[in-house]
Amino acid sequence: MEEPQSREVRPEHVPPPKGEISLAQAFGGRSLLREILETILLTILLFLVLNTVTGRFQVRGSSMEPTLHDGQYLVVSKLIYWLHPPERGDVIVFRPPNHPSEDYIKRIVGLPGEQVEIRGGEVWVDGVLLDEPYVAHPGSYSGSWNLGEGEYFVLGDNRSNSSDSHNWGVLPKENIVGKAWLCYWPPEEWGLVAHHIFPEPAEQGD
């Protein structure tokens, strides 16, 4: 008569000691635990990517009225200037040379290699008058600036109440954080930031 053979219990089926619960059991099994960990890692990765290619900025003050208002929250695109250089009419966030620890928001009116002249509240670039429909209150100041390589001239849309290039000079490209892209707060102001597309200089002089 054959002796009954004992059944081997595989290690993975060995129950935990009485009163103890394994980590896999606590999370409903190994697959659920893995999914939770993968979700956490993916969230961290997305956060790092978003912070690399975008930024958040709060408008403070009235220097960009009527385009932007005090208290608005914006998403800033850092990626766009990795693909092409800043353009005239762009609304940008940057660190001003005189206050590098702060963030300002203004509009680009002068590009590298150009001469910017302001007289009678009007902006002239290389002798061509800029048509600026977004300006509600022209400035009362005047002056002339020659931009070197990698230098930009920025002004607030509210020219009579703005600390910008007419005060502290030209803006180096390396101080530019990114291009203002989207307003996400308050809800009634939700939408894309209004930039301005200028015609080519030859067309402006026609």
N, C-alpha and C. Protein backbone atom coordinates (compact mmCIF):
# COMPACT_ATOMS: atom_id res chain seq x y z
N MET A 1 0.85 -1.19 0.00
CA MET A 1 0.00 0.00 0.00
C MET A 1 0.89 1.25 0.00
N GLU A 2 0.54 2.14 -0.92
CA GLU A 2 1.38 3.34 -1.06
C GLU A 2 1.09 4.34 0.05
N GLU A 3 2.17 4.94 0.51
CA GLU A 3 2.01 5.97 1.54
C GLU A 3 1.53 7.27 0.89
N PRO A 4 0.63 7.95 1.58
CA PRO A 4 0.14 9.22 1.00
C PRO A 4 1.28 10.23 0.87
N GLN A 5 1.34 10.85 -0.29
CA GLN A 5 2.41 11.83 -0.54
C GLN A 5 2.01 13.21 0.00
N SER A 6 2.97 13.82 0.67
CA SER A 6 2.67 15.17 1.20
C SER A 6 2.71 16.20 0.07
N ARG A 7 1.80 17.18 0.16
CA ARG A 7 1.72 18.21 -0.88
C ARG A 7 2.66 19.35 -0.57
N GLU A 8 3.47 19.68 -1.57
CA GLU A 8 4.38 20.81 -1.36
C GLU A 8 3.63 22.12 -1.45
N VAL A 9 3.95 22.98 -0.54
CA VAL A 9 3.35 24.34 -0.59
C VAL A 9 4.41 25.28 -1.14
N ARG A 10 4.08 25.88 -2.28
CA ARG A 10 5.05 26.79 -2.90
C ARG A 10 5.20 28.06 -2.05
N PRO A 11 6.40 28.59 -2.05
CA PRO A 11 6.67 29.75 -1.18
C PRO A 11 5.70 30.89 -1.36
N GLU A 12 5.28 31.10 -2.66
CA GLU A 12 4.42 32.27 -2.87
C GLU A 12 3.02 32.09 -2.28
N HIS A 13 2.67 30.84 -1.93
CA HIS A 13 1.34 30.61 -1.36
C HIS A 13 1.37 30.51 0.14
N VAL A 14 2.54 30.66 0.74
CA VAL A 14 2.64 30.56 2.19
C VAL A 14 1.95 31.78 2.82
N PRO A 15 0.94 31.55 3.62
CA PRO A 15 0.23 32.69 4.22
C PRO A 15 1.10 33.39 5.24
N PRO A 16 0.88 34.69 5.45
CA PRO A 16 1.66 35.41 6.45
C PRO A 16 1.28 34.93 7.84
N PRO A 17 2.15 35.14 8.82
CA PRO A 17 1.84 34.74 10.18
C PRO A 17 0.51 35.32 10.63
N LYS A 18 -0.15 34.59 11.52
CA LYS A 18 -1.45 35.02 12.01
C LYS A 18 -1.36 36.42 12.60
N GLY A 19 -2.33 37.25 12.19
CA GLY A 19 -2.37 38.61 12.71
C GLY A 19 -1.59 39.61 11.89
N GLU A 20 -0.79 39.15 10.90
CA GLU A 20 -0.01 40.05 10.05
C GLU A 20 -0.61 40.07 8.64
N ILE A 21 -0.56 41.25 8.00
CA ILE A 21 -1.08 41.39 6.64
C ILE A 21 0.06 41.85 5.74
N SER A 22 0.23 41.17 4.63
CA SER A 22 1.31 41.54 3.72
C SER A 22 0.97 42.86 3.02
N LEU A 23 2.03 43.53 2.48
CA LEU A 23 1.84 44.80 1.77
C LEU A 23 0.97 44.61 0.55
N ALA A 24 1.18 43.49 -0.16
CA ALA A 24 0.38 43.22 -1.36
C ALA A 24 -1.09 43.08 -1.00
N GLN A 25 -1.39 42.37 0.13
CA GLN A 25 -2.77 42.22 0.55
C GLN A 25 -3.38 43.56 0.92
N ALA A 26 -2.60 44.38 1.61
CA ALA A 26 -3.12 45.67 2.05
C ALA A 26 -3.53 46.54 0.88
N PHE A 27 -2.82 46.42 -0.25
CA PHE A 27 -3.12 47.24 -1.43
C PHE A 27 -3.93 46.47 -2.47
N GLY A 28 -4.45 45.32 -2.08
CA GLY A 28 -5.30 44.57 -2.99
C GLY A 28 -4.55 43.74 -4.00
N GLY A 29 -3.28 43.44 -3.75
CA GLY A 29 -2.53 42.60 -4.67
C GLY A 29 -1.36 43.32 -5.27
N ARG A 30 -0.43 42.53 -5.84
CA ARG A 30 0.80 43.12 -6.40
C ARG A 30 0.52 44.05 -7.57
N SER A 31 -0.45 43.72 -8.41
CA SER A 31 -0.71 44.53 -9.60
C SER A 31 -1.21 45.93 -9.22
N LEU A 32 -2.07 46.03 -8.22
CA LEU A 32 -2.58 47.33 -7.80
C LEU A 32 -1.48 48.18 -7.19
N LEU A 33 -0.63 47.54 -6.37
CA LEU A 33 0.49 48.27 -5.78
C LEU A 33 1.41 48.81 -6.86
N ARG A 34 1.68 48.01 -7.87
CA ARG A 34 2.53 48.46 -8.97
C ARG A 34 1.90 49.62 -9.72
N GLU A 35 0.58 49.54 -9.95
CA GLU A 35 -0.11 50.63 -10.65
C GLU A 35 -0.04 51.94 -9.86
N ILE A 36 -0.18 51.83 -8.54
CA ILE A 36 -0.11 53.04 -7.71
C ILE A 36 1.28 53.67 -7.79
N LEU A 37 2.32 52.82 -7.70
CA LEU A 37 3.69 53.33 -7.78
C LEU A 37 3.98 53.94 -9.15
N GLU A 38 3.49 53.29 -10.22
CA GLU A 38 3.70 53.81 -11.57
C GLU A 38 2.98 55.14 -11.75
N THR A 39 1.78 55.26 -11.17
CA THR A 39 1.03 56.52 -11.27
C THR A 39 1.77 57.65 -10.57
N ILE A 40 2.31 57.35 -9.38
CA ILE A 40 3.06 58.37 -8.63
C ILE A 40 4.29 58.82 -9.42
N LEU A 41 5.03 57.84 -9.99
CA LEU A 41 6.23 58.18 -10.76
C LEU A 41 5.88 58.99 -12.01
N LEU A 42 4.77 58.63 -12.68
CA LEU A 42 4.35 59.35 -13.87
C LEU A 42 3.94 60.78 -13.52
N THR A 43 3.26 60.95 -12.39
CA THR A 43 2.86 62.28 -11.95
C THR A 43 4.08 63.17 -11.69
N ILE A 44 5.09 62.59 -11.03
CA ILE A 44 6.32 63.34 -10.75
C ILE A 44 7.02 63.72 -12.05
N LEU A 45 7.07 62.78 -13.00
CA LEU A 45 7.71 63.04 -14.29
C LEU A 45 6.99 64.15 -15.05
N LEU A 46 5.66 64.09 -15.09
CA LEU A 46 4.89 65.13 -15.78
C LEU A 46 5.09 66.49 -15.12
N PHE A 47 5.15 66.51 -13.80
CA PHE A 47 5.38 67.76 -13.07
C PHE A 47 6.72 68.37 -13.46
N LEU A 48 7.76 67.53 -13.52
CA LEU A 48 9.10 68.03 -13.88
C LEU A 48 9.13 68.55 -15.31
N VAL A 49 8.46 67.82 -16.23
CA VAL A 49 8.44 68.24 -17.63
C VAL A 49 7.70 69.57 -17.77
N LEU A 50 6.53 69.69 -17.13
CA LEU A 50 5.75 70.92 -17.22
C LEU A 50 6.50 72.11 -16.64
N ASN A 51 7.25 71.90 -15.56
CA ASN A 51 8.02 72.99 -14.97
C ASN A 51 9.22 73.36 -15.82
N THR A 52 9.67 72.44 -16.67
CA THR A 52 10.79 72.73 -17.57
C THR A 52 10.35 73.55 -18.76
N VAL A 53 9.18 73.24 -19.32
CA VAL A 53 8.74 73.90 -20.56
C VAL A 53 7.75 75.03 -20.32
N THR A 54 7.19 75.14 -19.10
CA THR A 54 6.25 76.22 -18.81
C THR A 54 6.54 76.81 -17.43
N GLY A 55 5.90 77.92 -17.13
CA GLY A 55 5.99 78.54 -15.82
C GLY A 55 4.68 79.22 -15.50
N ARG A 56 4.49 79.60 -14.27
CA ARG A 56 3.31 80.32 -13.85
C ARG A 56 3.71 81.72 -13.38
N PHE A 57 2.85 82.70 -13.66
CA PHE A 57 3.17 84.09 -13.36
C PHE A 57 1.90 84.85 -12.98
N GLN A 58 1.99 85.70 -11.97
CA GLN A 58 0.87 86.55 -11.58
C GLN A 58 1.17 87.99 -11.99
N VAL A 59 0.24 88.60 -12.71
CA VAL A 59 0.37 90.00 -13.10
C VAL A 59 0.20 90.87 -11.87
N ARG A 60 1.14 91.77 -11.66
CA ARG A 60 1.09 92.68 -10.52
C ARG A 60 1.18 94.11 -11.03
N GLY A 61 0.18 94.90 -10.73
CA GLY A 61 0.18 96.30 -11.15
C GLY A 61 -0.59 96.51 -12.45
N SER A 62 -0.52 97.74 -12.95
CA SER A 62 -1.31 98.13 -14.13
C SER A 62 -0.47 98.46 -15.35
N SER A 63 0.81 98.04 -15.37
CA SER A 63 1.69 98.45 -16.45
C SER A 63 1.33 97.85 -17.81
N MET A 64 0.51 96.78 -17.81
CA MET A 64 0.13 96.16 -19.09
C MET A 64 -1.34 96.39 -19.43
N GLU A 65 -1.99 97.32 -18.74
CA GLU A 65 -3.36 97.69 -19.10
C GLU A 65 -3.36 98.33 -20.49
N PRO A 66 -4.35 98.10 -21.31
CA PRO A 66 -5.56 97.31 -21.07
C PRO A 66 -5.44 95.84 -21.48
N THR A 67 -4.25 95.39 -21.89
CA THR A 67 -4.09 94.01 -22.35
C THR A 67 -4.21 93.01 -21.21
N LEU A 68 -3.52 93.29 -20.09
CA LEU A 68 -3.54 92.42 -18.92
C LEU A 68 -3.85 93.24 -17.68
N HIS A 69 -4.48 92.59 -16.70
CA HIS A 69 -4.94 93.30 -15.52
C HIS A 69 -4.29 92.75 -14.26
N ASP A 70 -4.21 93.60 -13.26
CA ASP A 70 -3.63 93.22 -11.97
C ASP A 70 -4.35 91.99 -11.40
N GLY A 71 -3.56 91.00 -10.94
CA GLY A 71 -4.13 89.81 -10.32
C GLY A 71 -4.35 88.63 -11.25
N GLN A 72 -4.20 88.82 -12.55
CA GLN A 72 -4.36 87.69 -13.47
C GLN A 72 -3.22 86.68 -13.30
N TYR A 73 -3.55 85.40 -13.47
CA TYR A 73 -2.55 84.33 -13.42
C TYR A 73 -2.35 83.79 -14.83
N LEU A 74 -1.08 83.66 -15.23
CA LEU A 74 -0.75 83.26 -16.59
C LEU A 74 0.12 82.02 -16.62
N VAL A 75 -0.01 81.26 -17.70
CA VAL A 75 0.95 80.20 -18.02
C VAL A 75 1.93 80.77 -19.02
N VAL A 76 3.21 80.59 -18.76
CA VAL A 76 4.28 81.13 -19.62
C VAL A 76 4.97 79.98 -20.34
N SER A 77 5.12 80.09 -21.65
CA SER A 77 5.80 79.06 -22.43
C SER A 77 7.30 79.36 -22.49
N LYS A 78 8.10 78.45 -21.94
CA LYS A 78 9.55 78.56 -22.06
C LYS A 78 10.06 77.87 -23.32
N LEU A 79 9.31 76.87 -23.76
CA LEU A 79 9.72 76.03 -24.90
C LEU A 79 9.80 76.82 -26.19
N ILE A 80 8.88 77.77 -26.39
CA ILE A 80 8.76 78.43 -27.69
C ILE A 80 10.05 79.14 -28.11
N TYR A 81 10.79 79.71 -27.15
CA TYR A 81 12.02 80.42 -27.51
C TYR A 81 13.22 79.48 -27.63
N TRP A 82 13.01 78.19 -27.39
CA TRP A 82 14.03 77.20 -27.75
C TRP A 82 13.92 76.90 -29.24
N LEU A 83 12.73 77.17 -29.81
CA LEU A 83 12.47 76.84 -31.22
C LEU A 83 12.74 78.01 -32.15
N HIS A 84 12.47 79.23 -31.68
CA HIS A 84 12.75 80.42 -32.50
C HIS A 84 12.93 81.62 -31.58
N PRO A 85 13.61 82.68 -32.03
CA PRO A 85 13.88 83.83 -31.16
C PRO A 85 12.63 84.65 -30.88
N PRO A 86 12.65 85.46 -29.84
CA PRO A 86 11.51 86.34 -29.54
C PRO A 86 11.23 87.28 -30.71
N GLU A 87 9.96 87.67 -30.84
CA GLU A 87 9.54 88.52 -31.94
C GLU A 87 8.90 89.81 -31.43
N ARG A 88 8.93 90.84 -32.28
CA ARG A 88 8.30 92.10 -31.92
C ARG A 88 6.80 91.87 -31.71
N GLY A 89 6.27 92.46 -30.65
CA GLY A 89 4.86 92.28 -30.35
C GLY A 89 4.59 91.21 -29.32
N ASP A 90 5.59 90.35 -29.02
CA ASP A 90 5.42 89.30 -28.01
C ASP A 90 5.30 89.92 -26.62
N VAL A 91 4.38 89.39 -25.83
CA VAL A 91 4.28 89.74 -24.40
C VAL A 91 5.11 88.70 -23.65
N ILE A 92 6.14 89.16 -22.95
CA ILE A 92 7.08 88.22 -22.34
C ILE A 92 7.22 88.46 -20.83
N VAL A 93 7.63 87.39 -20.15
CA VAL A 93 8.01 87.47 -18.74
C VAL A 93 9.52 87.38 -18.68
N PHE A 94 10.14 88.23 -17.86
CA PHE A 94 11.61 88.30 -17.83
C PHE A 94 12.08 88.80 -16.47
N ARG A 95 13.39 88.71 -16.26
CA ARG A 95 14.02 89.27 -15.06
C ARG A 95 14.73 90.56 -15.46
N PRO A 96 14.29 91.71 -14.97
CA PRO A 96 14.91 92.98 -15.37
C PRO A 96 16.34 93.07 -14.85
N PRO A 97 17.25 93.68 -15.61
CA PRO A 97 18.65 93.77 -15.18
C PRO A 97 18.84 94.48 -13.84
N ASN A 98 17.96 95.43 -13.52
CA ASN A 98 18.12 96.17 -12.27
C ASN A 98 17.49 95.46 -11.07
N HIS A 99 16.64 94.45 -11.32
CA HIS A 99 16.03 93.65 -10.25
C HIS A 99 15.98 92.18 -10.69
N PRO A 100 17.13 91.52 -10.80
CA PRO A 100 17.17 90.15 -11.37
C PRO A 100 16.46 89.09 -10.55
N SER A 101 16.08 89.40 -9.31
CA SER A 101 15.36 88.42 -8.49
C SER A 101 13.85 88.50 -8.69
N GLU A 102 13.38 89.48 -9.48
CA GLU A 102 11.95 89.66 -9.71
C GLU A 102 11.58 89.28 -11.14
N ASP A 103 10.28 89.08 -11.36
CA ASP A 103 9.76 88.79 -12.71
C ASP A 103 8.87 89.95 -13.15
N TYR A 104 9.12 90.46 -14.37
CA TYR A 104 8.30 91.51 -14.95
C TYR A 104 7.60 90.96 -16.19
N ILE A 105 6.57 91.66 -16.64
CA ILE A 105 5.91 91.30 -17.89
C ILE A 105 5.72 92.57 -18.73
N LYS A 106 6.23 92.54 -19.97
CA LYS A 106 6.14 93.69 -20.88
C LYS A 106 6.02 93.17 -22.31
N ARG A 107 6.00 94.11 -23.25
CA ARG A 107 5.90 93.74 -24.67
C ARG A 107 7.19 94.13 -25.40
N ILE A 108 7.65 93.26 -26.29
CA ILE A 108 8.86 93.55 -27.09
C ILE A 108 8.51 94.52 -28.21
N VAL A 109 9.27 95.61 -28.29
CA VAL A 109 9.10 96.55 -29.41
C VAL A 109 10.37 96.69 -30.23
N GLY A 110 11.53 96.37 -29.67
CA GLY A 110 12.80 96.48 -30.40
C GLY A 110 13.57 95.18 -30.37
N LEU A 111 14.18 94.83 -31.51
CA LEU A 111 14.92 93.58 -31.67
C LEU A 111 16.42 93.84 -31.79
N PRO A 112 17.25 92.80 -31.62
CA PRO A 112 18.70 92.97 -31.72
C PRO A 112 19.14 93.67 -33.01
N GLY A 113 20.07 94.62 -32.87
CA GLY A 113 20.62 95.33 -34.02
C GLY A 113 19.81 96.53 -34.47
N GLU A 114 18.68 96.81 -33.84
CA GLU A 114 17.82 97.91 -34.27
C GLU A 114 18.09 99.17 -33.45
N GLN A 115 17.64 100.31 -33.98
CA GLN A 115 17.65 101.55 -33.23
C GLN A 115 16.21 101.90 -32.87
N VAL A 116 15.98 102.09 -31.58
CA VAL A 116 14.64 102.46 -31.10
C VAL A 116 14.67 103.92 -30.66
N GLU A 117 13.71 104.68 -31.16
CA GLU A 117 13.60 106.09 -30.77
C GLU A 117 12.17 106.37 -30.34
N ILE A 118 12.03 107.08 -29.24
CA ILE A 118 10.71 107.46 -28.74
C ILE A 118 10.62 108.98 -28.73
N ARG A 119 9.62 109.50 -29.39
CA ARG A 119 9.42 110.95 -29.39
C ARG A 119 7.92 111.24 -29.52
N GLY A 120 7.46 112.15 -28.69
CA GLY A 120 6.04 112.51 -28.72
C GLY A 120 5.12 111.35 -28.41
N GLY A 121 5.59 110.43 -27.59
CA GLY A 121 4.77 109.28 -27.24
C GLY A 121 4.72 108.21 -28.31
N GLU A 122 5.46 108.38 -29.40
CA GLU A 122 5.46 107.41 -30.49
C GLU A 122 6.79 106.66 -30.53
N VAL A 123 6.74 105.40 -30.95
CA VAL A 123 7.93 104.56 -31.02
C VAL A 123 8.33 104.39 -32.48
N TRP A 124 9.59 104.71 -32.76
CA TRP A 124 10.15 104.56 -34.11
C TRP A 124 11.27 103.53 -34.06
N VAL A 125 11.27 102.60 -34.99
CA VAL A 125 12.31 101.57 -35.07
C VAL A 125 12.99 101.68 -36.42
N ASP A 126 14.29 101.98 -36.38
CA ASP A 126 15.06 102.19 -37.63
C ASP A 126 14.35 103.19 -38.54
N GLY A 127 13.79 104.23 -37.93
CA GLY A 127 13.15 105.30 -38.70
C GLY A 127 11.74 105.01 -39.14
N VAL A 128 11.18 103.86 -38.73
CA VAL A 128 9.81 103.51 -39.12
C VAL A 128 8.91 103.58 -37.89
N LEU A 129 7.79 104.29 -38.02
CA LEU A 129 6.85 104.43 -36.92
C LEU A 129 6.08 103.13 -36.70
N LEU A 130 6.03 102.67 -35.45
CA LEU A 130 5.28 101.46 -35.13
C LEU A 130 3.81 101.81 -34.92
N ASP A 131 2.94 101.02 -35.51
CA ASP A 131 1.50 101.15 -35.27
C ASP A 131 1.18 100.25 -34.08
N GLU A 132 0.82 100.86 -32.94
CA GLU A 132 0.61 100.11 -31.71
C GLU A 132 -0.83 100.31 -31.19
N PRO A 133 -1.77 99.53 -31.69
CA PRO A 133 -3.18 99.71 -31.30
C PRO A 133 -3.46 99.30 -29.86
N TYR A 134 -2.54 98.58 -29.23
CA TYR A 134 -2.76 98.09 -27.86
C TYR A 134 -2.41 99.13 -26.80
N VAL A 135 -1.82 100.26 -27.19
CA VAL A 135 -1.41 101.30 -26.22
C VAL A 135 -2.58 102.24 -25.94
N ALA A 136 -2.97 102.32 -24.66
CA ALA A 136 -4.07 103.21 -24.28
C ALA A 136 -3.56 104.58 -23.84
N HIS A 137 -2.39 104.59 -23.15
CA HIS A 137 -1.86 105.86 -22.62
C HIS A 137 -0.39 105.98 -23.01
N PRO A 138 -0.07 106.70 -24.09
CA PRO A 138 1.32 106.87 -24.52
C PRO A 138 2.16 107.56 -23.44
N GLY A 139 3.45 107.29 -23.45
CA GLY A 139 4.34 107.92 -22.48
C GLY A 139 4.70 109.34 -22.89
N SER A 140 5.14 110.11 -21.92
CA SER A 140 5.53 111.51 -22.18
C SER A 140 7.03 111.66 -22.31
N TYR A 141 7.77 110.56 -22.24
CA TYR A 141 9.23 110.59 -22.29
C TYR A 141 9.73 110.46 -23.73
N SER A 142 11.03 110.66 -23.91
CA SER A 142 11.65 110.51 -25.23
C SER A 142 13.07 110.01 -25.03
N GLY A 143 13.66 109.50 -26.12
CA GLY A 143 15.02 108.99 -26.04
C GLY A 143 15.35 108.12 -27.23
N SER A 144 16.60 107.70 -27.29
CA SER A 144 17.07 106.86 -28.41
C SER A 144 18.00 105.78 -27.86
N TRP A 145 17.84 104.55 -28.35
CA TRP A 145 18.62 103.41 -27.88
C TRP A 145 19.07 102.56 -29.06
N ASN A 146 20.33 102.17 -29.06
CA ASN A 146 20.86 101.26 -30.08
C ASN A 146 21.02 99.87 -29.45
N LEU A 147 20.38 98.88 -30.04
CA LEU A 147 20.39 97.53 -29.49
C LEU A 147 21.51 96.70 -30.10
N GLY A 148 22.27 96.03 -29.25
CA GLY A 148 23.33 95.16 -29.71
C GLY A 148 22.84 93.74 -29.94
N GLU A 149 23.76 92.83 -30.17
CA GLU A 149 23.40 91.43 -30.39
C GLU A 149 22.80 90.84 -29.10
N GLY A 150 21.67 90.16 -29.25
CA GLY A 150 21.02 89.54 -28.09
C GLY A 150 20.37 90.52 -27.14
N GLU A 151 20.06 91.74 -27.62
CA GLU A 151 19.42 92.75 -26.77
C GLU A 151 18.04 93.11 -27.31
N TYR A 152 17.10 93.31 -26.40
CA TYR A 152 15.71 93.63 -26.76
C TYR A 152 15.27 94.88 -26.02
N PHE A 153 14.27 95.55 -26.61
CA PHE A 153 13.69 96.75 -25.99
C PHE A 153 12.24 96.42 -25.67
N VAL A 154 11.87 96.55 -24.39
CA VAL A 154 10.52 96.18 -23.96
C VAL A 154 9.84 97.36 -23.30
N LEU A 155 8.54 97.48 -23.53
CA LEU A 155 7.74 98.55 -22.94
C LEU A 155 6.41 97.98 -22.44
N GLY A 156 5.86 98.58 -21.39
CA GLY A 156 4.53 98.22 -20.95
C GLY A 156 3.49 98.84 -21.87
N ASP A 157 2.32 98.21 -21.97
CA ASP A 157 1.27 98.77 -22.81
C ASP A 157 0.69 100.04 -22.20
N ASN A 158 0.77 100.16 -20.88
CA ASN A 158 0.36 101.38 -20.19
C ASN A 158 1.61 102.25 -20.04
N ARG A 159 1.97 102.96 -21.09
CA ARG A 159 3.26 103.64 -21.18
C ARG A 159 3.44 104.70 -20.10
N SER A 160 2.35 105.29 -19.61
CA SER A 160 2.48 106.34 -18.61
C SER A 160 2.70 105.79 -17.20
N ASN A 161 2.64 104.46 -17.04
CA ASN A 161 2.81 103.87 -15.71
C ASN A 161 3.50 102.50 -15.84
N SER A 162 4.77 102.52 -16.26
CA SER A 162 5.47 101.26 -16.48
C SER A 162 6.97 101.44 -16.27
N SER A 163 7.56 100.52 -15.51
CA SER A 163 9.02 100.46 -15.37
C SER A 163 9.53 99.50 -16.43
N ASP A 164 10.21 100.03 -17.44
CA ASP A 164 10.60 99.19 -18.58
C ASP A 164 11.90 99.71 -19.18
N SER A 165 12.16 99.38 -20.44
CA SER A 165 13.45 99.71 -21.05
C SER A 165 13.71 101.21 -21.13
N HIS A 166 12.67 102.01 -21.12
CA HIS A 166 12.92 103.46 -21.17
C HIS A 166 13.51 103.95 -19.85
N ASN A 167 13.34 103.15 -18.74
CA ASN A 167 13.93 103.50 -17.44
C ASN A 167 15.31 102.90 -17.26
N TRP A 168 15.39 101.56 -17.46
CA TRP A 168 16.61 100.85 -17.07
C TRP A 168 17.39 100.27 -18.24
N GLY A 169 16.99 100.57 -19.47
CA GLY A 169 17.79 100.17 -20.63
C GLY A 169 17.35 98.88 -21.30
N VAL A 170 18.25 98.34 -22.09
CA VAL A 170 17.90 97.18 -22.93
C VAL A 170 17.84 95.90 -22.09
N LEU A 171 17.16 94.89 -22.64
CA LEU A 171 16.98 93.61 -21.95
C LEU A 171 17.80 92.53 -22.64
N PRO A 172 18.77 91.92 -21.94
CA PRO A 172 19.54 90.81 -22.54
C PRO A 172 18.65 89.58 -22.74
N LYS A 173 18.90 88.84 -23.80
CA LYS A 173 18.08 87.66 -24.11
C LYS A 173 18.08 86.65 -22.99
N GLU A 174 19.23 86.50 -22.31
CA GLU A 174 19.32 85.48 -21.25
C GLU A 174 18.41 85.80 -20.05
N ASN A 175 17.89 87.02 -19.98
CA ASN A 175 16.99 87.39 -18.88
C ASN A 175 15.53 87.05 -19.19
N ILE A 176 15.26 86.61 -20.41
CA ILE A 176 13.88 86.30 -20.80
C ILE A 176 13.50 84.92 -20.28
N VAL A 177 12.38 84.86 -19.54
CA VAL A 177 11.88 83.59 -19.00
C VAL A 177 11.05 82.86 -20.04
N GLY A 178 10.15 83.56 -20.70
CA GLY A 178 9.31 82.92 -21.71
C GLY A 178 8.22 83.85 -22.21
N LYS A 179 7.39 83.32 -23.09
CA LYS A 179 6.31 84.07 -23.72
C LYS A 179 5.00 83.79 -23.00
N ALA A 180 4.31 84.85 -22.59
CA ALA A 180 3.01 84.69 -21.93
C ALA A 180 2.06 83.99 -22.90
N TRP A 181 1.40 82.95 -22.42
CA TRP A 181 0.61 82.10 -23.32
C TRP A 181 -0.87 82.09 -22.98
N LEU A 182 -1.20 81.76 -21.73
CA LEU A 182 -2.60 81.52 -21.38
C LEU A 182 -2.94 82.12 -20.03
N CYS A 183 -4.07 82.82 -19.95
CA CYS A 183 -4.58 83.28 -18.66
C CYS A 183 -5.54 82.21 -18.14
N TYR A 184 -5.29 81.72 -16.91
CA TYR A 184 -6.15 80.68 -16.36
C TYR A 184 -6.92 81.15 -15.11
N TRP A 185 -6.69 82.37 -14.67
CA TRP A 185 -7.43 82.91 -13.54
C TRP A 185 -7.39 84.43 -13.56
N PRO A 186 -8.51 85.10 -13.29
CA PRO A 186 -9.82 84.58 -12.90
C PRO A 186 -10.57 83.96 -14.08
N PRO A 187 -11.60 83.15 -13.79
CA PRO A 187 -12.30 82.41 -14.85
C PRO A 187 -12.84 83.29 -15.97
N GLU A 188 -13.31 84.49 -15.63
CA GLU A 188 -13.88 85.37 -16.67
C GLU A 188 -12.82 85.92 -17.62
N GLU A 189 -11.54 85.81 -17.24
CA GLU A 189 -10.45 86.29 -18.09
C GLU A 189 -9.75 85.14 -18.81
N TRP A 190 -10.29 83.93 -18.67
CA TRP A 190 -9.64 82.76 -19.26
C TRP A 190 -9.49 82.92 -20.77
N GLY A 191 -8.29 82.59 -21.28
CA GLY A 191 -8.07 82.66 -22.72
C GLY A 191 -6.61 82.91 -23.04
N LEU A 192 -6.29 82.92 -24.33
CA LEU A 192 -4.93 83.15 -24.78
C LEU A 192 -4.54 84.62 -24.59
N VAL A 193 -3.28 84.85 -24.27
CA VAL A 193 -2.77 86.21 -24.12
C VAL A 193 -2.67 86.87 -25.50
N ALA A 194 -3.09 88.12 -25.59
CA ALA A 194 -3.11 88.82 -26.87
C ALA A 194 -1.74 89.38 -27.22
N HIS A 195 -1.08 88.77 -28.19
CA HIS A 195 0.17 89.30 -28.74
C HIS A 195 -0.17 90.12 -29.98
N HIS A 196 0.81 90.78 -30.54
CA HIS A 196 0.55 91.60 -31.73
C HIS A 196 1.55 91.22 -32.82
N ILE A 197 1.05 91.00 -34.01
CA ILE A 197 1.92 90.65 -35.14
C ILE A 197 2.15 91.90 -35.98
N PHE A 198 3.40 92.30 -36.06
CA PHE A 198 3.75 93.47 -36.86
C PHE A 198 4.11 93.05 -38.29
N PRO A 199 3.80 93.91 -39.26
CA PRO A 199 4.26 93.63 -40.63
C PRO A 199 5.78 93.77 -40.72
N GLU A 200 6.34 93.27 -41.77
CA GLU A 200 7.78 93.41 -41.99
C GLU A 200 8.13 94.89 -42.13
N PRO A 201 9.37 95.29 -41.75
CA PRO A 201 9.75 96.71 -41.84
C PRO A 201 9.48 97.35 -43.19
N ALA A 202 9.73 96.61 -44.27
CA ALA A 202 9.52 97.16 -45.61
C ALA A 202 8.05 97.48 -45.82
N GLU A 203 7.15 96.64 -45.24
CA GLU A 203 5.73 96.86 -45.39
C GLU A 203 5.29 98.03 -44.53
N GLN A 204 5.91 98.18 -43.36
CA GLN A 204 5.55 99.28 -42.48
C GLN A 204 5.90 100.63 -43.09
N GLY A 205 6.93 100.66 -43.89
CA GLY A 205 7.35 101.93 -44.48
C GLY A 205 6.57 102.31 -45.70
N ASP A 206 5.70 101.38 -46.20
CA ASP A 206 4.92 101.70 -47.41
C ASP A 206 3.91 102.82 -47.17
